[in-house]
Amino acid sequence: MDRIRNKQSKKQDIQARPKGEGLTPYQGKKRCFGEYKCPKCKRKWMSGNSWANMGQECIKCHINVYPHKQRPLEKPDGLDVSDQSKEHPQHLCEKCKVLGYYCRRVQ
């Protein structure tokens, strides 16, 4: 029973974050892996070019979408590996737009 209660309280802690804390779950300075879901068309995508407080534009709706999940890029065997052969759509990336250049150049 305590296990269930702990899981529920952890869920509430995550959902009850103060608004001033940031626009994304991750608040660090490094690039990370993000999962996105457009609130308008429900389209889902994942990106190895996800950043704190930065969104990516939905290719269908053309609205900025913030990631609902983010985690470090630390699992070379997992799904959160960035595919280097896949081109990063810079025109859809808020970080690229703000920087004025490809966001992967940031160290």
Protein backbone atom coordinates (compact mmCIF):
# COMPACT_ATOMS: atom_id res chain seq x y z
CA MET A 1 0.00 0.00 0.00
CA ASP A 2 2.85 2.39 0.83
CA ARG A 3 4.32 1.71 -2.61
CA ILE A 4 1.10 2.82 -4.32
CA ARG A 5 0.88 5.91 -2.12
CA ASN A 6 4.52 6.81 -2.92
CA LYS A 7 3.91 6.45 -6.66
CA GLN A 8 0.80 8.64 -6.44
CA SER A 9 2.57 11.34 -4.44
CA LYS A 10 5.48 11.34 -6.92
CA LYS A 11 3.02 11.78 -9.81
CA GLN A 12 1.36 14.68 -8.00
CA ASP A 13 4.76 16.30 -7.32
CA ILE A 14 5.61 16.21 -11.02
CA GLN A 15 2.23 17.61 -12.08
CA ALA A 16 2.11 20.24 -9.35
CA ARG A 17 5.31 22.02 -10.37
CA PRO A 18 5.15 25.80 -10.04
CA LYS A 19 4.70 27.59 -13.38
CA GLY A 20 7.73 29.82 -12.84
CA GLU A 21 10.01 26.80 -12.81
CA GLY A 22 10.34 26.52 -16.59
CA LEU A 23 8.53 25.54 -19.77
CA THR A 24 10.09 22.07 -20.01
CA PRO A 25 10.79 19.20 -17.59
CA TYR A 26 14.58 19.54 -18.07
CA GLN A 27 16.19 22.76 -16.88
CA GLY A 28 19.88 22.11 -17.63
CA LYS A 29 22.16 23.68 -20.23
CA LYS A 30 22.95 20.60 -22.34
CA ARG A 31 21.10 19.06 -25.24
CA CYS A 32 18.87 16.15 -24.28
CA PHE A 33 16.33 13.71 -25.69
CA GLY A 34 12.74 14.95 -25.81
CA GLU A 35 9.30 13.52 -26.50
CA TYR A 36 6.69 15.81 -28.05
CA LYS A 37 2.95 15.68 -28.68
CA CYS A 38 1.12 18.42 -30.54
CA PRO A 39 -1.94 19.50 -28.53
CA LYS A 40 -3.78 20.42 -31.73
CA CYS A 41 -3.33 17.42 -34.09
CA LYS A 42 -2.00 14.88 -31.52
CA ARG A 43 1.05 14.13 -33.70
CA LYS A 44 3.92 12.62 -31.68
CA TRP A 45 7.65 12.77 -32.30
CA MET A 46 10.97 12.31 -30.53
CA SER A 47 14.13 14.35 -30.90
CA GLY A 48 17.73 14.08 -29.81
CA ASN A 49 17.90 17.87 -30.20
CA SER A 50 15.77 18.93 -27.25
CA TRP A 51 16.70 21.84 -24.97
CA ALA A 52 15.44 23.40 -21.74
CA ASN A 53 12.62 25.90 -22.28
CA MET A 54 12.71 25.48 -26.07
CA GLY A 55 10.10 23.89 -28.30
CA GLN A 56 9.87 22.45 -31.77
CA GLU A 57 7.31 23.38 -34.37
CA CYS A 58 4.71 20.79 -35.35
CA ILE A 59 5.23 20.08 -39.04
CA LYS A 60 1.45 19.87 -39.61
CA CYS A 61 0.02 22.65 -37.41
CA HIS A 62 2.98 25.04 -37.42
CA ILE A 63 2.66 25.71 -33.68
CA ASN A 64 5.50 25.58 -31.17
CA VAL A 65 5.29 22.45 -28.99
CA TYR A 66 7.25 21.97 -25.77
CA PRO A 67 8.43 18.45 -24.83
CA HIS A 68 6.37 16.62 -22.23
CA LYS A 69 9.30 14.31 -21.39
CA GLN A 70 13.03 14.92 -21.48
CA ARG A 71 16.01 12.82 -20.44
CA PRO A 72 19.80 12.87 -20.85
CA LEU A 73 21.44 11.57 -24.01
CA GLU A 74 23.27 8.79 -22.19
CA LYS A 75 21.95 5.50 -23.57
CA PRO A 76 23.83 4.53 -26.74
CA ASP A 77 21.81 1.30 -27.04
CA GLY A 78 18.39 2.85 -26.45
CA LEU A 79 15.83 4.81 -28.45
CA ASP A 80 17.19 8.12 -27.24
CA VAL A 81 20.21 7.97 -29.53
CA SER A 82 20.43 10.81 -31.99
CA ASP A 83 20.54 9.48 -35.56
CA GLN A 84 23.46 11.39 -37.06
CA SER A 85 22.42 10.48 -40.61
CA LYS A 86 18.99 12.09 -40.15
CA GLU A 87 18.88 15.78 -41.03
CA HIS A 88 17.77 18.11 -38.22
CA PRO A 89 14.94 20.37 -39.44
CA GLN A 90 16.39 23.67 -38.24
CA HIS A 91 13.39 25.65 -39.51
CA LEU A 92 11.21 23.80 -36.94
CA CYS A 93 13.64 24.12 -34.01
CA GLU A 94 13.17 27.06 -31.65
CA LYS A 95 16.77 26.77 -30.38
CA CYS A 96 18.17 26.99 -33.95
CA LYS A 97 15.96 30.00 -34.68
CA VAL A 98 17.03 31.80 -31.50
CA LEU A 99 20.73 31.08 -32.08
CA GLY A 100 20.60 31.80 -35.79
CA TYR A 101 22.57 28.61 -36.52
CA TYR A 102 22.45 24.83 -36.08
CA CYS A 103 21.82 24.10 -32.38
CA ARG A 104 24.09 21.03 -32.36
CA ARG A 105 27.10 23.40 -32.61
CA VAL A 106 26.46 24.45 -28.99
CA GLN A 107 28.81 22.68 -26.59
